[in-house]
């Protein structure tokens, strides 16, 4: 039988502190108000004021990673404490609570992704279906024929009166015979296979499917000013596309098969059925959302590192921490990502690639072998990365 306990917090009490280790519980506020904020001010991020019915600490609890924000009470607060082990039973007895968390996560993910894009690219991006043409042009110039063909097709579909319609039609006809692109249109299959270097969906494209990676790697990207910036590298078990499913809005970024991929497809119909009949799947979905949000917040903090070496090492550590690689003393870990992957995740300009490569080649926390990043000591890498972020936090606080 599910038994939840109530906890009282005095005014001006900290419920969670950013950067502290994960706990096995989160709280649903019953009465009172709290403020959630980042200890290191991130441009564009504003503190949240939460009240009855809202929840705090779910990201850290469900992901098993450190706290992403500090939470302090503005008034006396009464909160319901939910243990991580109680969450599946809570879903079975009160599905609306779980759906409120999932939908709130989706909204937060869109906001955080927008912040990350603006900080990474250092500009505001105005998305428009007309952008599909320039995206396709970029990939054609870069000789990614399959991705370009998919992009031109989506432009033709979404912009039948577009100024580049005839040109897109010609380019699509020329490229299609040489393209490996699949699923130009949605299918009813529950599982889809995508060859490496093909587009799953494009930014600005309409769509209502969410995906869970069964095999392979997927990169999430945006093309801005003739450059591709990698926002995330996703692995087996990760999900993406959830904002379009839950919020019915155009895609905010592109998803590309980084290698051959098998994806599980979730549309609104089977999502609603899953909510009603498979509470364990909703529990897993919540944990996946929590992982994504945690890693995106960490990537946000990475944008605030001005030292290039610190930025690179921290980004490598983040990718390793995301995968929750078990630590084995004295054993090196060979990652799945290349130096180029890391440089794109950090949005390093092409003219700085040589300098960045030299910094990595001389860093004791990293080795490069056969084009892949190798970690001699995972524990030391994570420790060094945390030190860089703490050092940056101190510098930031001293300046303010």
Protein backbone atom coordinates (compact mmCIF):
# COMPACT_ATOMS: atom_id res chain seq x y z
CA UNK A 1 0.00 0.00 0.00
CA UNK A 2 1.34 3.41 -1.01
CA UNK A 3 2.12 5.54 2.03
CA UNK A 4 3.44 9.04 1.42
CA UNK A 5 4.74 11.28 4.19
CA UNK A 6 4.43 15.04 4.68
CA UNK A 7 7.46 17.22 5.38
CA UNK A 8 7.45 20.76 6.80
CA UNK A 9 10.05 23.32 5.74
CA UNK A 10 10.55 26.66 7.47
CA UNK A 11 10.74 29.89 5.50
CA UNK A 12 14.16 30.55 3.88
CA UNK A 13 15.12 26.86 4.13
CA UNK A 14 17.02 25.08 1.36
CA UNK A 15 15.23 21.98 0.10
CA UNK A 16 17.93 21.23 -2.51
CA UNK A 17 21.28 22.82 -3.35
CA UNK A 18 22.63 22.87 -6.90
CA UNK A 19 25.60 20.55 -7.44
CA UNK A 20 24.99 18.35 -4.40
CA UNK A 21 24.64 14.57 -4.88
CA UNK A 22 21.35 13.01 -5.97
CA UNK A 23 18.82 11.92 -3.38
CA UNK A 24 16.30 9.09 -3.64
CA UNK A 25 13.29 11.39 -3.13
CA UNK A 26 11.47 14.38 -4.58
CA UNK A 27 8.71 16.63 -3.24
CA UNK A 28 5.25 17.69 -4.38
CA UNK A 29 4.35 21.06 -2.83
CA UNK A 30 1.05 21.00 -0.95
CA UNK A 31 1.15 24.55 0.46
CA UNK A 32 3.55 27.49 0.34
CA UNK A 33 5.93 28.79 -2.32
CA UNK A 34 9.54 28.05 -3.30
CA UNK A 35 12.11 29.62 -5.61
CA UNK A 36 14.15 27.44 -7.99
CA UNK A 37 17.30 29.00 -9.47
CA UNK A 38 20.84 28.38 -10.73
CA UNK A 39 23.66 29.34 -8.37
CA UNK A 40 25.74 30.41 -11.39
CA UNK A 41 23.64 32.89 -13.33
CA UNK A 42 23.00 31.59 -16.86
CA UNK A 43 22.03 34.27 -19.41
CA UNK A 44 18.36 33.96 -20.31
CA UNK A 45 17.53 31.73 -17.34
CA UNK A 46 15.16 33.23 -14.77
CA UNK A 47 14.27 31.90 -11.31
CA UNK A 48 10.98 30.00 -11.06
CA UNK A 49 8.42 30.53 -8.33
CA UNK A 50 6.52 27.29 -7.65
CA UNK A 51 3.52 26.57 -5.47
CA UNK A 52 0.86 23.96 -4.62
CA UNK A 53 0.78 21.05 -7.06
CA UNK A 54 4.26 21.74 -8.40
CA UNK A 55 7.20 19.41 -7.76
CA UNK A 56 10.91 19.85 -7.04
CA UNK A 57 13.92 17.53 -7.16
CA UNK A 58 12.49 15.12 -9.75
CA UNK A 59 15.32 15.55 -12.27
CA UNK A 60 18.06 14.58 -9.84
CA UNK A 61 16.01 11.87 -8.13
CA UNK A 62 15.03 10.14 -11.36
CA UNK A 63 18.34 10.59 -13.22
CA UNK A 64 20.62 9.72 -10.30
CA UNK A 65 22.77 12.77 -11.08
CA UNK A 66 23.61 15.86 -9.01
CA UNK A 67 21.01 18.57 -8.33
CA UNK A 68 20.51 20.92 -11.29
CA UNK A 69 19.07 23.84 -9.29
CA UNK A 70 18.87 25.21 -5.77
CA UNK A 71 15.39 25.28 -4.21
CA UNK A 72 14.70 27.64 -1.29
CA UNK A 73 11.39 28.25 0.50
CA UNK A 74 9.87 31.73 0.25
CA UNK A 75 7.20 30.88 2.83
CA UNK A 76 6.65 28.00 5.24
CA UNK A 77 6.09 24.95 3.01
CA UNK A 78 4.31 21.64 3.46
CA UNK A 79 5.37 19.06 0.87
CA UNK A 80 4.58 15.44 0.07
CA UNK A 81 7.76 13.36 -0.05
CA UNK A 82 7.90 10.69 -2.78
CA UNK A 83 10.64 8.05 -2.66
CA UNK A 84 12.01 6.96 -6.04
CA UNK A 85 10.95 3.38 -5.22
CA UNK A 86 7.36 4.62 -4.71
CA UNK A 87 7.07 6.31 -8.08
CA UNK A 88 5.77 3.31 -10.12
CA UNK A 89 3.02 2.70 -7.55
CA UNK A 90 2.18 6.41 -7.51
CA UNK A 91 1.71 6.28 -11.28
CA UNK A 92 -0.62 3.29 -11.03
CA UNK A 93 -2.80 5.06 -8.47
CA UNK A 94 -2.55 8.58 -9.90
CA UNK A 95 -1.59 8.71 -13.57
CA UNK A 96 -2.42 12.46 -13.88
CA UNK A 97 0.44 13.24 -11.46
CA UNK A 98 2.90 11.39 -13.69
CA UNK A 99 1.55 13.08 -16.81
CA UNK A 100 1.86 16.48 -15.19
CA UNK A 101 5.51 15.72 -14.49
CA UNK A 102 6.13 14.42 -18.04
CA UNK A 103 4.43 17.43 -19.69
CA UNK A 104 6.24 19.85 -17.39
CA UNK A 105 9.51 18.14 -18.33
CA UNK A 106 8.65 18.58 -22.03
CA UNK A 107 8.00 22.31 -21.57
CA UNK A 108 11.18 22.70 -19.53
CA UNK A 109 13.17 20.79 -22.14
CA UNK A 110 12.03 23.14 -24.90
CA UNK A 111 12.94 26.21 -22.80
CA UNK A 112 16.35 24.81 -21.82
CA UNK A 113 17.08 23.73 -25.40
CA UNK A 114 16.30 27.26 -26.62
CA UNK A 115 18.64 28.68 -23.97
CA UNK A 116 21.36 26.22 -24.96
CA UNK A 117 21.00 27.08 -28.64
CA UNK A 118 21.21 30.82 -27.99
CA UNK A 119 24.23 30.49 -25.70
CA UNK A 120 26.04 27.98 -27.91
CA UNK A 121 25.46 29.90 -31.13
CA UNK A 122 25.53 33.32 -29.42
CA UNK A 123 22.46 34.52 -31.30
CA UNK A 124 18.66 34.27 -31.35
CA UNK A 125 17.38 31.74 -33.86
CA UNK A 126 14.10 32.46 -35.62
CA UNK A 127 12.73 29.16 -36.92
CA UNK A 128 10.68 29.16 -40.12
CA UNK A 129 9.72 26.39 -42.59
CA UNK A 130 11.53 28.46 -45.24
CA UNK A 131 14.74 27.55 -43.35
CA UNK A 132 14.35 23.95 -44.57
CA UNK A 133 15.81 25.01 -47.92
CA UNK A 134 19.00 26.53 -46.46
CA UNK A 135 19.40 23.45 -44.22
CA UNK A 136 19.19 21.17 -47.27
CA UNK A 137 21.63 23.41 -49.17
CA UNK A 138 24.14 23.22 -46.33
CA UNK A 139 24.12 19.41 -46.32
CA UNK A 140 24.37 19.26 -50.11
CA UNK A 141 27.44 21.54 -50.01
CA UNK A 142 28.86 19.30 -47.27
CA UNK A 143 28.26 16.26 -49.54
CA UNK A 144 25.73 14.66 -47.21
CA UNK A 145 23.49 13.69 -50.11
CA UNK A 146 20.95 11.63 -48.18
CA UNK A 147 20.40 14.36 -45.58
CA UNK A 148 20.13 17.03 -48.27
CA UNK A 149 17.55 15.02 -50.27
CA UNK A 150 15.42 14.61 -47.15
CA UNK A 151 15.67 18.35 -46.42
CA UNK A 152 14.61 19.34 -49.94
CA UNK A 153 11.65 16.96 -49.75
CA UNK A 154 10.48 18.49 -46.47
CA UNK A 155 10.82 21.97 -47.95
CA UNK A 156 8.63 20.95 -50.91
CA UNK A 157 6.07 19.52 -48.50
CA UNK A 158 5.98 22.43 -46.02
CA UNK A 159 6.50 25.35 -48.44
CA UNK A 160 4.49 24.62 -51.64
CA UNK A 161 4.43 28.38 -52.33
CA UNK A 162 8.00 28.98 -51.16
CA UNK A 163 10.37 31.22 -53.10
CA UNK A 164 12.77 28.29 -53.58
CA UNK A 165 10.16 25.69 -54.55
CA UNK A 166 11.31 25.14 -58.15
CA UNK A 167 14.98 25.04 -57.20
CA UNK A 168 14.25 22.57 -54.38
CA UNK A 169 12.26 20.41 -56.79
CA UNK A 170 15.20 20.27 -59.21
CA UNK A 171 17.73 19.51 -56.47
CA UNK A 172 15.56 16.77 -54.94
CA UNK A 173 15.08 15.09 -58.32
CA UNK A 174 18.84 15.21 -58.94
CA UNK A 175 19.82 13.84 -55.52
CA UNK A 176 17.14 11.24 -54.87
CA UNK A 177 18.67 8.46 -57.06
CA UNK A 178 21.87 8.64 -54.96
CA UNK A 179 20.17 9.02 -51.57
CA UNK A 180 19.87 6.43 -48.80
CA UNK A 181 17.18 8.53 -47.05
CA UNK A 182 14.23 6.59 -45.68
CA UNK A 183 10.81 7.52 -44.28
CA UNK A 184 10.25 10.73 -46.16
CA UNK A 185 6.73 10.35 -44.76
CA UNK A 186 5.71 8.88 -41.36
CA UNK A 187 4.95 5.16 -41.33
CA UNK A 188 2.81 3.03 -39.03
CA UNK A 189 5.73 0.77 -38.11
CA UNK A 190 6.59 0.54 -34.42
CA UNK A 191 10.28 0.14 -35.25
CA UNK A 192 12.26 1.90 -37.97
CA UNK A 193 15.80 1.41 -39.26
CA UNK A 194 17.85 4.40 -40.42
CA UNK A 195 21.19 4.02 -42.26
CA UNK A 196 24.10 6.11 -41.00
CA UNK A 197 24.14 9.73 -42.19
CA UNK A 198 20.41 9.93 -42.92
CA UNK A 199 17.96 12.40 -41.43
CA UNK A 200 15.26 11.19 -39.04
CA UNK A 201 13.58 14.59 -38.95
CA UNK A 202 14.60 18.17 -39.68
CA UNK A 203 14.34 21.31 -37.59
CA UNK A 204 11.24 23.37 -38.51
CA UNK A 205 9.52 20.19 -39.76
CA UNK A 206 6.09 19.32 -38.38
CA UNK A 207 5.84 15.92 -36.72
CA UNK A 208 4.15 14.06 -33.91
CA UNK A 209 6.38 11.03 -33.33
CA UNK A 210 8.73 10.44 -30.43
CA UNK A 211 11.62 7.97 -30.73
CA UNK A 212 13.52 5.70 -28.36
CA UNK A 213 16.91 4.46 -29.59
CA UNK A 214 17.16 0.67 -29.66
CA UNK A 215 20.55 0.54 -31.40
CA UNK A 216 23.03 3.13 -32.64
CA UNK A 217 23.83 6.79 -32.03
CA UNK A 218 21.76 9.85 -32.98
CA UNK A 219 23.03 13.42 -33.07
CA UNK A 220 20.77 16.41 -32.50
CA UNK A 221 21.89 19.42 -34.53
CA UNK A 222 21.08 22.90 -35.81
CA UNK A 223 22.45 24.61 -38.92
CA UNK A 224 23.18 28.31 -38.41
CA UNK A 225 25.12 30.67 -40.67
CA UNK A 226 26.38 27.79 -42.78
CA UNK A 227 27.65 25.70 -39.87
CA UNK A 228 26.31 22.60 -38.16
CA UNK A 229 26.33 22.68 -34.36
CA UNK A 230 25.80 19.45 -32.42
CA UNK A 231 23.49 19.99 -29.46
CA UNK A 232 23.55 16.39 -28.21
CA UNK A 233 24.78 12.88 -28.97
CA UNK A 234 22.18 10.30 -27.95
CA UNK A 235 22.80 6.59 -27.34
CA UNK A 236 20.83 3.37 -26.94
CA UNK A 237 17.94 3.90 -24.50
CA UNK A 238 17.75 7.67 -25.05
CA UNK A 239 14.63 9.32 -26.42
CA UNK A 240 14.10 12.36 -28.61
CA UNK A 241 11.30 14.15 -30.44
CA UNK A 242 9.13 14.27 -27.33
CA UNK A 243 8.36 17.99 -27.53
CA UNK A 244 6.56 17.61 -30.87
CA UNK A 245 4.53 14.72 -29.42
CA UNK A 246 3.55 16.42 -26.18
CA UNK A 247 3.30 20.05 -27.33
CA UNK A 248 2.30 19.73 -31.01
CA UNK A 249 4.95 22.21 -32.17
CA UNK A 250 7.46 22.08 -35.07
CA UNK A 251 10.79 20.37 -34.45
CA UNK A 252 13.29 22.70 -32.79
CA UNK A 253 16.37 20.80 -34.06
CA UNK A 254 17.32 18.07 -36.52
CA UNK A 255 17.90 14.42 -35.63
CA UNK A 256 20.45 12.56 -37.75
CA UNK A 257 21.53 8.92 -37.62
CA UNK A 258 25.17 9.20 -36.51
CA UNK A 259 25.53 5.50 -37.28
CA UNK A 260 23.09 2.78 -38.33
CA UNK A 261 20.11 3.08 -35.99
CA UNK A 262 17.03 1.13 -34.96
CA UNK A 263 14.37 3.32 -33.37
CA UNK A 264 11.16 2.57 -31.51
CA UNK A 265 8.40 4.94 -32.64
CA UNK A 266 5.84 6.34 -30.21
CA UNK A 267 2.92 8.34 -31.61
CA UNK A 268 0.04 9.96 -29.70
CA UNK A 269 -2.21 6.91 -30.03
CA UNK A 270 0.23 4.38 -28.58
CA UNK A 271 1.52 6.97 -26.10
CA UNK A 272 -1.97 7.39 -24.61
CA UNK A 273 -2.38 3.60 -24.54
CA UNK A 274 0.99 3.28 -22.84
CA UNK A 275 -0.03 5.84 -20.19
CA UNK A 276 -3.22 3.93 -19.47
CA UNK A 277 -1.85 0.38 -19.45
CA UNK A 278 1.90 0.45 -18.79
CA UNK A 279 2.79 2.57 -15.75
CA UNK A 280 6.30 1.07 -15.76
CA UNK A 281 6.86 2.67 -19.17
CA UNK A 282 5.80 6.06 -17.82
CA UNK A 283 8.27 5.56 -14.99
CA UNK A 284 11.00 4.82 -17.55
CA UNK A 285 9.91 7.81 -19.63
CA UNK A 286 10.21 10.07 -16.58
CA UNK A 287 13.73 8.80 -15.91
CA UNK A 288 14.70 9.34 -19.54
CA UNK A 289 13.35 12.90 -19.45
CA UNK A 290 15.25 13.49 -16.21
CA UNK A 291 18.50 12.25 -17.79
CA UNK A 292 18.00 14.52 -20.82
CA UNK A 293 17.22 17.57 -18.68
CA UNK A 294 20.18 16.93 -16.38
CA UNK A 295 22.60 16.65 -19.31
CA UNK A 296 21.16 19.75 -20.99
CA UNK A 297 21.57 21.79 -17.79
CA UNK A 298 25.16 20.54 -17.58
CA UNK A 299 25.71 21.55 -21.20
CA UNK A 300 24.33 24.99 -20.31
CA UNK A 301 26.94 25.32 -17.56
CA UNK A 302 29.59 24.26 -20.10
CA UNK A 303 28.77 27.30 -22.23
CA UNK A 304 29.88 29.49 -19.29
CA UNK A 305 33.44 28.07 -19.30
CA UNK A 306 35.65 30.56 -21.13
CA UNK A 307 38.90 28.55 -20.99
CA UNK A 308 39.03 26.29 -24.07
CA UNK A 309 40.83 23.39 -22.34
CA UNK A 310 38.36 23.46 -19.43
CA UNK A 311 35.41 23.55 -21.84
CA UNK A 312 36.69 20.54 -23.81
CA UNK A 313 37.51 18.43 -20.75
CA UNK A 314 34.18 19.26 -19.12
CA UNK A 315 32.27 18.32 -22.30
CA UNK A 316 34.08 14.95 -22.49
CA UNK A 317 33.30 14.34 -18.81
CA UNK A 318 29.64 15.19 -19.42
CA UNK A 319 29.38 12.62 -22.22
CA UNK A 320 30.94 9.95 -19.98
CA UNK A 321 28.73 10.85 -17.01
CA UNK A 322 25.63 10.68 -19.24
CA UNK A 323 26.49 7.07 -20.07
CA UNK A 324 26.99 6.22 -16.37
CA UNK A 325 30.13 4.29 -17.21
CA UNK A 326 31.19 2.08 -14.25
CA UNK A 327 34.54 3.08 -12.84
CA UNK A 328 37.27 0.43 -13.02
CA UNK A 329 40.54 1.44 -11.38
CA UNK A 330 43.54 1.13 -13.67
CA UNK A 331 41.41 0.45 -16.75
CA UNK A 332 41.13 2.99 -19.59
CA UNK A 333 37.73 3.61 -21.16
CA UNK A 334 37.39 3.91 -24.96
CA UNK A 335 34.46 6.21 -25.78
CA UNK A 336 32.18 6.09 -28.83
CA UNK A 337 32.82 9.73 -29.77
CA UNK A 338 35.53 11.40 -31.81
CA UNK A 339 37.41 14.66 -31.33
CA UNK A 340 35.19 16.24 -34.00
CA UNK A 341 32.08 15.21 -32.04
CA UNK A 342 33.39 17.02 -28.95
CA UNK A 343 34.40 20.12 -30.92
CA UNK A 344 30.93 20.35 -32.46
CA UNK A 345 29.25 19.87 -29.07
CA UNK A 346 31.33 22.81 -27.80
CA UNK A 347 30.56 24.81 -30.98
CA UNK A 348 34.27 25.39 -31.58
CA UNK A 349 34.79 27.42 -34.81
CA UNK A 350 36.64 25.60 -37.58
CA UNK A 351 39.61 27.96 -37.40
CA UNK A 352 40.18 26.90 -33.76
CA UNK A 353 40.12 23.13 -34.42
CA UNK A 354 43.92 22.81 -34.58
CA UNK A 355 44.41 24.63 -31.28
CA UNK A 356 41.67 22.57 -29.61
CA UNK A 357 43.22 19.33 -30.88
CA UNK A 358 46.62 20.32 -29.46
CA UNK A 359 45.04 21.06 -26.07
CA UNK A 360 43.41 17.63 -25.98
CA UNK A 361 46.59 15.88 -27.11
CA UNK A 362 48.51 17.40 -24.20
CA UNK A 363 45.85 16.94 -21.50
CA UNK A 364 46.56 14.19 -18.96
CA UNK A 365 42.86 13.32 -18.60
CA UNK A 366 42.42 12.39 -22.26
CA UNK A 367 44.05 10.27 -24.95
CA UNK A 368 43.20 9.99 -28.64
CA UNK A 369 43.44 6.59 -30.30
CA UNK A 370 42.16 5.62 -33.76
CA UNK A 371 40.18 8.85 -33.90
CA UNK A 372 38.29 8.13 -30.66
CA UNK A 373 38.55 9.77 -27.24
CA UNK A 374 40.07 7.47 -24.59
CA UNK A 375 39.79 8.19 -20.85
CA UNK A 376 42.75 6.84 -18.79
CA UNK A 377 40.92 7.39 -15.47
CA UNK A 378 37.18 8.16 -15.44
CA UNK A 379 37.10 9.12 -11.75
CA UNK A 380 39.95 11.61 -12.18
CA UNK A 381 38.32 13.10 -15.31
CA UNK A 382 35.02 13.71 -13.50
CA UNK A 383 36.87 15.16 -10.50
CA UNK A 384 38.86 17.53 -12.72
CA UNK A 385 35.74 18.62 -14.58
CA UNK A 386 33.93 19.40 -11.30
CA UNK A 387 36.94 21.45 -10.18
CA UNK A 388 36.82 23.53 -13.38
CA UNK A 389 33.10 24.28 -12.86
CA UNK A 390 33.62 25.17 -9.18
CA UNK A 391 36.55 27.41 -10.09
CA UNK A 392 34.41 29.14 -12.72
CA UNK A 393 31.61 29.57 -10.18
CA UNK A 394 33.98 31.28 -7.75
CA UNK A 395 35.29 33.60 -10.48
CA UNK A 396 31.73 34.46 -11.50
CA UNK A 397 30.65 35.22 -7.92
CA UNK A 398 33.74 37.39 -7.34
CA UNK A 399 32.92 39.44 -10.43
CA UNK A 400 29.39 40.04 -9.16
